[in-house]
N, C-alpha and C. Protein backbone atom coordinates (compact mmCIF):
# COMPACT_ATOMS: atom_id res chain seq x y z
N UNK A 1 49.56 52.01 26.94
CA UNK A 1 48.86 50.78 27.14
C UNK A 1 47.73 50.64 26.13
N UNK A 2 47.90 49.69 25.26
CA UNK A 2 46.89 49.44 24.24
C UNK A 2 45.76 48.55 24.76
N UNK A 3 46.08 47.50 25.48
CA UNK A 3 45.09 46.55 25.99
C UNK A 3 45.05 46.61 27.50
N UNK A 4 43.98 47.13 28.05
CA UNK A 4 43.89 47.07 29.51
C UNK A 4 43.62 45.62 29.93
N UNK A 5 44.20 45.22 31.00
CA UNK A 5 44.01 43.87 31.51
C UNK A 5 42.68 43.81 32.25
N UNK A 6 41.82 42.85 31.80
CA UNK A 6 40.53 42.70 32.45
C UNK A 6 40.68 41.87 33.71
N UNK A 7 39.89 42.22 34.70
CA UNK A 7 39.96 41.46 35.94
C UNK A 7 39.22 40.13 35.76
N UNK A 8 39.50 39.22 36.61
CA UNK A 8 38.83 37.92 36.57
C UNK A 8 37.32 38.09 36.72
N UNK A 9 36.89 38.99 37.56
CA UNK A 9 35.47 39.25 37.77
C UNK A 9 34.82 39.77 36.49
N UNK A 10 35.48 40.67 35.77
CA UNK A 10 34.94 41.19 34.51
C UNK A 10 34.83 40.08 33.47
N UNK A 11 35.82 39.21 33.44
CA UNK A 11 35.78 38.08 32.51
C UNK A 11 34.62 37.13 32.82
N UNK A 12 34.40 36.89 34.10
CA UNK A 12 33.29 36.00 34.48
C UNK A 12 31.94 36.63 34.16
N UNK A 13 31.83 37.94 34.33
CA UNK A 13 30.57 38.61 33.99
C UNK A 13 30.34 38.59 32.48
N UNK A 14 31.42 38.74 31.71
CA UNK A 14 31.30 38.62 30.26
C UNK A 14 30.82 37.22 29.88
N UNK A 15 31.40 36.19 30.49
CA UNK A 15 30.99 34.82 30.23
C UNK A 15 29.53 34.61 30.59
N UNK A 16 29.11 35.19 31.69
CA UNK A 16 27.71 35.07 32.10
C UNK A 16 26.78 35.67 31.04
N UNK A 17 27.12 36.85 30.50
CA UNK A 17 26.28 37.48 29.47
C UNK A 17 26.20 36.60 28.22
N UNK A 18 27.32 36.02 27.82
CA UNK A 18 27.34 35.15 26.64
C UNK A 18 26.46 33.93 26.89
N UNK A 19 26.58 33.34 28.06
CA UNK A 19 25.79 32.14 28.37
C UNK A 19 24.30 32.47 28.48
N UNK A 20 23.96 33.63 29.00
CA UNK A 20 22.56 34.03 29.08
C UNK A 20 21.97 34.21 27.69
N UNK A 21 22.75 34.80 26.76
CA UNK A 21 22.28 34.92 25.37
C UNK A 21 22.11 33.55 24.74
N UNK A 22 23.08 32.66 24.99
CA UNK A 22 22.97 31.29 24.45
C UNK A 22 21.74 30.58 25.01
N UNK A 23 21.50 30.74 26.31
CA UNK A 23 20.34 30.10 26.94
C UNK A 23 19.04 30.68 26.37
N UNK A 24 18.99 31.98 26.16
CA UNK A 24 17.80 32.60 25.58
C UNK A 24 17.56 32.07 24.16
N UNK A 25 18.62 31.93 23.38
CA UNK A 25 18.49 31.40 22.02
C UNK A 25 18.00 29.95 22.07
N UNK A 26 18.55 29.15 22.97
CA UNK A 26 18.12 27.76 23.10
C UNK A 26 16.66 27.69 23.51
N UNK A 27 16.23 28.57 24.40
CA UNK A 27 14.82 28.59 24.80
C UNK A 27 13.92 28.98 23.63
N UNK A 28 14.36 29.88 22.75
CA UNK A 28 13.59 30.24 21.56
C UNK A 28 13.49 29.03 20.63
N UNK A 29 14.59 28.30 20.45
CA UNK A 29 14.58 27.10 19.61
C UNK A 29 13.59 26.07 20.16
N UNK A 30 13.59 25.89 21.47
CA UNK A 30 12.68 24.94 22.10
C UNK A 30 11.23 25.39 21.88
N UNK A 31 10.95 26.67 22.07
CA UNK A 31 9.58 27.18 21.87
C UNK A 31 9.14 27.00 20.42
N UNK A 32 10.03 27.25 19.46
CA UNK A 32 9.69 27.06 18.05
C UNK A 32 9.41 25.58 17.76
N UNK A 33 10.23 24.71 18.31
CA UNK A 33 10.03 23.28 18.08
C UNK A 33 8.73 22.80 18.72
N UNK A 34 8.40 23.31 19.91
CA UNK A 34 7.13 22.95 20.55
C UNK A 34 5.95 23.43 19.71
N UNK A 35 6.07 24.63 19.11
CA UNK A 35 5.01 25.15 18.25
C UNK A 35 4.84 24.27 17.01
N UNK A 36 5.96 23.89 16.38
CA UNK A 36 5.89 23.02 15.20
C UNK A 36 5.28 21.66 15.54
N UNK A 37 5.67 21.11 16.68
CA UNK A 37 5.13 19.82 17.10
C UNK A 37 3.64 19.92 17.38
N UNK A 38 3.20 21.01 18.00
CA UNK A 38 1.77 21.21 18.27
C UNK A 38 0.99 21.31 16.95
N UNK A 39 1.55 22.03 15.96
CA UNK A 39 0.90 22.12 14.65
C UNK A 39 0.81 20.76 13.99
N UNK A 40 1.89 19.99 14.06
CA UNK A 40 1.90 18.65 13.46
C UNK A 40 0.84 17.78 14.12
N UNK A 41 0.74 17.85 15.44
CA UNK A 41 -0.23 17.05 16.17
C UNK A 41 -1.66 17.46 15.83
N UNK A 42 -1.89 18.79 15.68
CA UNK A 42 -3.23 19.26 15.28
C UNK A 42 -3.58 18.72 13.90
N UNK A 43 -2.60 18.70 12.99
CA UNK A 43 -2.83 18.15 11.66
C UNK A 43 -3.17 16.68 11.71
N UNK A 44 -2.47 15.92 12.54
CA UNK A 44 -2.75 14.49 12.68
C UNK A 44 -4.15 14.27 13.26
N UNK A 45 -4.52 15.08 14.24
CA UNK A 45 -5.83 14.93 14.87
C UNK A 45 -6.96 15.32 13.92
N UNK A 46 -6.69 16.26 13.00
CA UNK A 46 -7.72 16.72 12.07
C UNK A 46 -7.85 15.80 10.85
N UNK A 47 -6.91 14.90 10.67
CA UNK A 47 -6.93 14.00 9.51
C UNK A 47 -8.14 13.08 9.60
N UNK A 48 -8.85 12.92 8.49
CA UNK A 48 -10.00 12.01 8.53
C UNK A 48 -9.53 10.57 8.74
N UNK A 49 -10.36 9.73 9.31
CA UNK A 49 -9.95 8.35 9.54
C UNK A 49 -9.70 7.63 8.21
N UNK A 50 -8.79 6.68 8.23
CA UNK A 50 -8.49 5.90 7.03
C UNK A 50 -9.70 5.03 6.70
N UNK A 51 -9.96 4.84 5.40
CA UNK A 51 -11.10 4.00 5.03
C UNK A 51 -10.82 2.55 5.40
N UNK A 52 -11.88 1.79 5.68
CA UNK A 52 -11.71 0.38 6.03
C UNK A 52 -11.58 -0.48 4.79
N UNK A 53 -12.16 -0.03 3.67
CA UNK A 53 -12.16 -0.83 2.45
C UNK A 53 -11.89 0.07 1.27
N UNK A 54 -11.14 -0.44 0.29
CA UNK A 54 -10.81 0.31 -0.92
C UNK A 54 -11.05 -0.54 -2.15
N UNK A 55 -11.37 0.13 -3.23
CA UNK A 55 -11.47 -0.55 -4.53
C UNK A 55 -10.57 0.20 -5.50
N UNK A 56 -9.68 -0.56 -6.18
CA UNK A 56 -8.85 0.01 -7.23
C UNK A 56 -9.66 0.06 -8.51
N UNK A 57 -9.67 1.21 -9.15
CA UNK A 57 -10.35 1.34 -10.43
C UNK A 57 -9.30 1.54 -11.51
N UNK A 58 -9.66 1.26 -12.75
CA UNK A 58 -8.72 1.36 -13.85
C UNK A 58 -8.51 2.79 -14.31
N UNK A 59 -7.75 2.93 -15.39
CA UNK A 59 -7.48 4.25 -15.96
C UNK A 59 -8.76 4.90 -16.47
N UNK A 60 -9.61 4.11 -17.07
CA UNK A 60 -10.86 4.60 -17.61
C UNK A 60 -11.93 4.51 -16.52
N UNK A 61 -12.57 5.62 -16.19
CA UNK A 61 -13.59 5.58 -15.13
C UNK A 61 -14.74 4.61 -15.42
N UNK A 62 -14.96 4.32 -16.70
CA UNK A 62 -16.05 3.41 -17.06
C UNK A 62 -15.62 1.94 -16.99
N UNK A 63 -14.34 1.69 -16.85
CA UNK A 63 -13.89 0.30 -16.80
C UNK A 63 -14.25 -0.32 -15.45
N UNK A 64 -14.38 -1.64 -15.39
CA UNK A 64 -14.76 -2.28 -14.12
C UNK A 64 -13.64 -2.17 -13.09
N UNK A 65 -13.99 -2.27 -11.81
CA UNK A 65 -12.97 -2.22 -10.76
C UNK A 65 -11.97 -3.37 -10.91
N UNK A 66 -10.75 -3.15 -10.40
CA UNK A 66 -9.69 -4.14 -10.54
C UNK A 66 -9.54 -5.03 -9.31
N UNK A 67 -9.44 -4.42 -8.13
CA UNK A 67 -9.19 -5.18 -6.90
C UNK A 67 -9.93 -4.55 -5.74
N UNK A 68 -10.25 -5.38 -4.76
CA UNK A 68 -10.78 -4.92 -3.47
C UNK A 68 -9.64 -5.07 -2.47
N UNK A 69 -9.48 -4.07 -1.60
CA UNK A 69 -8.41 -4.07 -0.60
C UNK A 69 -8.97 -3.75 0.78
N UNK A 70 -8.27 -4.21 1.81
CA UNK A 70 -8.49 -3.73 3.16
C UNK A 70 -7.90 -2.32 3.19
N UNK A 71 -8.48 -1.42 3.97
CA UNK A 71 -8.11 0.00 3.94
C UNK A 71 -6.65 0.32 4.11
N UNK A 72 -5.91 -0.45 4.89
CA UNK A 72 -4.50 -0.12 5.14
C UNK A 72 -3.54 -0.94 4.28
N UNK A 73 -4.03 -1.53 3.20
CA UNK A 73 -3.18 -2.36 2.34
C UNK A 73 -2.12 -1.51 1.64
N UNK A 74 -0.92 -2.01 1.61
CA UNK A 74 0.17 -1.28 0.97
C UNK A 74 0.18 -1.46 -0.54
N UNK A 75 -0.66 -2.33 -1.07
CA UNK A 75 -0.70 -2.60 -2.51
C UNK A 75 -1.74 -1.76 -3.26
N UNK A 76 -2.41 -0.86 -2.58
CA UNK A 76 -3.43 -0.07 -3.27
C UNK A 76 -2.78 0.84 -4.29
N UNK A 77 -3.48 1.09 -5.38
CA UNK A 77 -2.97 1.95 -6.43
C UNK A 77 -3.35 3.40 -6.20
N UNK A 78 -2.92 4.23 -7.12
CA UNK A 78 -3.22 5.66 -7.02
C UNK A 78 -4.68 5.96 -7.31
N UNK A 79 -5.33 5.04 -7.98
CA UNK A 79 -6.74 5.26 -8.34
C UNK A 79 -7.65 4.39 -7.48
N UNK A 80 -7.47 4.47 -6.18
CA UNK A 80 -8.32 3.73 -5.25
C UNK A 80 -9.38 4.67 -4.71
N UNK A 81 -10.51 4.08 -4.38
CA UNK A 81 -11.55 4.90 -3.73
C UNK A 81 -12.10 4.13 -2.55
N UNK A 82 -12.48 4.88 -1.54
CA UNK A 82 -13.02 4.28 -0.33
C UNK A 82 -14.43 3.76 -0.60
N UNK A 83 -14.74 2.61 -0.02
CA UNK A 83 -16.08 2.04 -0.14
C UNK A 83 -16.51 1.50 1.22
N UNK A 84 -17.79 1.28 1.35
CA UNK A 84 -18.31 0.71 2.59
C UNK A 84 -18.06 -0.79 2.61
N UNK A 85 -18.28 -1.39 3.74
CA UNK A 85 -18.11 -2.84 3.88
C UNK A 85 -19.08 -3.57 2.94
N UNK A 86 -20.30 -3.08 2.86
CA UNK A 86 -21.29 -3.71 1.97
C UNK A 86 -20.87 -3.60 0.51
N UNK A 87 -20.34 -2.45 0.11
CA UNK A 87 -19.87 -2.28 -1.27
C UNK A 87 -18.69 -3.20 -1.56
N UNK A 88 -17.81 -3.38 -0.59
CA UNK A 88 -16.67 -4.29 -0.78
C UNK A 88 -17.17 -5.72 -0.94
N UNK A 89 -18.11 -6.13 -0.10
CA UNK A 89 -18.70 -7.48 -0.22
C UNK A 89 -19.36 -7.67 -1.59
N UNK A 90 -20.14 -6.68 -1.99
CA UNK A 90 -20.84 -6.77 -3.26
C UNK A 90 -19.86 -6.87 -4.43
N UNK A 91 -18.78 -6.08 -4.37
CA UNK A 91 -17.78 -6.12 -5.44
C UNK A 91 -17.14 -7.51 -5.52
N UNK A 92 -16.84 -8.09 -4.36
CA UNK A 92 -16.24 -9.44 -4.37
C UNK A 92 -17.21 -10.48 -4.92
N UNK A 93 -18.47 -10.38 -4.55
CA UNK A 93 -19.44 -11.35 -5.07
C UNK A 93 -19.74 -11.11 -6.55
N UNK A 94 -19.50 -9.88 -7.03
CA UNK A 94 -19.70 -9.58 -8.45
C UNK A 94 -18.49 -9.93 -9.29
N UNK A 95 -17.44 -10.48 -8.66
CA UNK A 95 -16.29 -10.95 -9.43
C UNK A 95 -15.06 -10.07 -9.41
N UNK A 96 -15.08 -8.98 -8.67
CA UNK A 96 -13.86 -8.17 -8.56
C UNK A 96 -12.86 -8.98 -7.73
N UNK A 97 -11.61 -8.99 -8.16
CA UNK A 97 -10.59 -9.81 -7.50
C UNK A 97 -10.24 -9.23 -6.13
N UNK A 98 -9.98 -10.15 -5.20
CA UNK A 98 -9.49 -9.75 -3.87
C UNK A 98 -7.97 -9.61 -3.94
N UNK A 99 -7.44 -8.61 -3.32
CA UNK A 99 -5.99 -8.42 -3.28
C UNK A 99 -5.36 -9.64 -2.60
N UNK A 100 -4.30 -10.16 -3.18
CA UNK A 100 -3.63 -11.33 -2.60
C UNK A 100 -2.84 -10.98 -1.35
N UNK A 101 -2.48 -9.72 -1.19
CA UNK A 101 -1.66 -9.32 -0.05
C UNK A 101 -2.49 -9.13 1.22
N UNK A 102 -3.56 -8.35 1.10
CA UNK A 102 -4.35 -8.04 2.31
C UNK A 102 -5.55 -8.96 2.50
N UNK A 103 -5.92 -9.70 1.49
CA UNK A 103 -6.99 -10.68 1.53
C UNK A 103 -8.29 -10.16 2.16
N UNK A 104 -8.92 -9.21 1.49
CA UNK A 104 -10.16 -8.66 2.04
C UNK A 104 -11.28 -9.67 2.13
N UNK A 105 -11.26 -10.69 1.27
CA UNK A 105 -12.31 -11.72 1.34
C UNK A 105 -12.23 -12.47 2.67
N UNK A 106 -11.02 -12.72 3.15
CA UNK A 106 -10.85 -13.37 4.46
C UNK A 106 -11.30 -12.42 5.57
N UNK A 107 -10.90 -11.16 5.46
CA UNK A 107 -11.27 -10.16 6.49
C UNK A 107 -12.78 -9.98 6.55
N UNK A 108 -13.45 -10.15 5.40
CA UNK A 108 -14.92 -10.00 5.37
C UNK A 108 -15.64 -11.29 5.68
N UNK A 109 -14.89 -12.37 5.92
CA UNK A 109 -15.50 -13.67 6.22
C UNK A 109 -16.15 -14.30 5.01
N UNK A 110 -15.61 -14.06 3.83
CA UNK A 110 -16.18 -14.59 2.58
C UNK A 110 -15.28 -15.66 1.99
N UNK A 111 -14.87 -16.61 2.78
CA UNK A 111 -13.99 -17.68 2.30
C UNK A 111 -14.77 -18.61 1.38
N UNK A 112 -14.07 -19.13 0.36
CA UNK A 112 -14.70 -20.07 -0.58
C UNK A 112 -14.95 -21.41 0.06
């Protein structure tokens, strides 16, 4: 006899061991995912608040500013810097263009 015939009970116990290993692996995956999500949430909570106002500056730091934006405007360039509400108002009154998309002049109540 090369292969002994396993009883139904032995087969069920084997299945139980396999399922317990699978369940343990699934629980590890869940714990890892919970850890990653907690880290992601900590990162989001630690992120500084988005600026309320932005000014796009040119390639040359000495060149005049290009546009004033509301802080969450999707048209801001890579060379934007955060400014205060007063600085945004002053830039608009000094002739810096208001972004046509986010209309910071309207948001600041500076309609013509």
